[in-house]
Amino acid sequence: MAHLNGWLFAADAMMVLVLFALAGLLSGTSVRRMVALQLVTFFGAVAMMLYAFAFARPDFADLGLALALLSFGGSLAFAHVLERWL
């Protein structure tokens, strides 16, 4: 079990920001929801990387990096579909 360190504190702070962004994802216009989706994936990716360093498993930081890279393309594809149907 990891002791409470700066990495773990920062990762928990990112998870709080994810919760606030999720609240924004549930209400608002389509544009606001897209921005909230990007915020959720950004904060989630950063939290994954911080948790990887907090628990001394830097090889798990690849998950956060993969989420950050794939979420951008996925959000662009979703915006294209949303633009076509609205």
Protein backbone atom coordinates (compact mmCIF):
# COMPACT_ATOMS: atom_id res chain seq x y z
CA MET A 1 0.00 0.00 0.00
CA ALA A 2 1.36 3.36 -0.95
CA HIS A 3 1.77 6.05 1.65
CA LEU A 4 0.03 9.34 1.17
CA ASN A 5 2.32 11.28 -1.09
CA GLY A 6 2.09 14.21 -3.47
CA TRP A 7 1.29 12.02 -6.48
CA LEU A 8 -1.67 10.43 -4.73
CA PHE A 9 -2.97 13.78 -3.51
CA ALA A 10 -2.74 15.24 -7.02
CA ALA A 11 -4.50 12.19 -8.53
CA ASP A 12 -7.34 12.50 -6.03
CA ALA A 13 -7.66 16.19 -6.86
CA MET A 14 -7.94 15.27 -10.55
CA MET A 15 -10.72 12.81 -9.73
CA VAL A 16 -12.64 15.60 -7.99
CA LEU A 17 -12.29 17.65 -11.18
CA VAL A 18 -13.57 14.66 -13.17
CA LEU A 19 -16.69 14.63 -11.01
CA PHE A 20 -17.29 18.34 -11.63
CA ALA A 21 -16.81 17.84 -15.37
CA LEU A 22 -19.22 14.89 -15.31
CA ALA A 23 -21.83 17.18 -13.78
CA GLY A 24 -21.35 19.51 -16.74
CA LEU A 25 -21.68 16.57 -19.10
CA LEU A 26 -25.20 15.89 -17.90
CA SER A 27 -26.63 19.31 -18.67
CA GLY A 28 -26.25 22.03 -21.24
CA THR A 29 -26.12 22.38 -24.99
CA SER A 30 -24.33 20.01 -27.32
CA VAL A 31 -21.27 22.26 -27.50
CA ARG A 32 -21.00 22.45 -23.72
CA ARG A 33 -21.31 18.68 -23.51
CA MET A 34 -18.48 18.25 -26.02
CA VAL A 35 -16.26 20.53 -23.95
CA ALA A 36 -17.20 18.64 -20.80
CA LEU A 37 -16.39 15.35 -22.53
CA GLN A 38 -12.94 16.63 -23.43
CA LEU A 39 -12.43 17.79 -19.84
CA VAL A 40 -13.46 14.41 -18.45
CA THR A 41 -11.06 12.54 -20.70
CA PHE A 42 -8.23 15.01 -20.05
CA PHE A 43 -8.61 14.91 -16.28
CA GLY A 44 -9.11 11.14 -16.39
CA ALA A 45 -5.92 10.62 -18.39
CA VAL A 46 -3.93 12.86 -16.07
CA ALA A 47 -5.39 11.05 -13.04
CA MET A 48 -4.40 7.67 -14.52
CA MET A 49 -0.85 8.84 -15.03
CA LEU A 50 -0.66 10.31 -11.53
CA TYR A 51 -2.01 7.11 -9.97
CA ALA A 52 0.59 5.13 -11.91
CA PHE A 53 3.37 7.21 -10.36
CA ALA A 54 1.72 7.27 -6.92
CA PHE A 55 1.72 3.47 -6.72
CA ALA A 56 5.23 3.21 -8.24
CA ARG A 57 4.01 1.52 -11.42
CA PRO A 58 5.20 3.85 -14.21
CA ASP A 59 4.44 1.19 -16.81
CA PHE A 60 0.71 1.83 -16.20
CA ALA A 61 1.17 5.44 -17.33
CA ASP A 62 0.77 4.11 -20.87
CA LEU A 63 -2.96 3.71 -20.20
CA GLY A 64 -3.36 7.39 -19.46
CA LEU A 65 -1.32 8.32 -22.50
CA ALA A 66 -3.37 6.02 -24.75
CA LEU A 67 -6.61 7.50 -23.37
CA ALA A 68 -5.37 11.02 -24.07
CA LEU A 69 -4.38 10.18 -27.64
CA LEU A 70 -7.49 8.19 -28.54
CA SER A 71 -10.00 10.51 -26.92
CA PHE A 72 -9.08 13.41 -29.18
CA GLY A 73 -9.79 11.47 -32.36
CA GLY A 74 -12.92 9.95 -30.87
CA SER A 75 -14.25 13.35 -29.89
CA LEU A 76 -13.58 14.70 -33.38
CA ALA A 77 -15.46 11.78 -34.92
CA PHE A 78 -18.35 12.28 -32.50
CA ALA A 79 -18.47 16.00 -33.30
CA HIS A 80 -18.58 15.19 -37.02
CA VAL A 81 -21.52 12.83 -36.50
CA LEU A 82 -23.25 15.31 -34.21
CA GLU A 83 -22.83 18.09 -36.77
CA ARG A 84 -24.32 15.94 -39.50
CA TRP A 85 -27.39 14.90 -37.51
CA LEU A 86 -28.19 18.25 -35.87
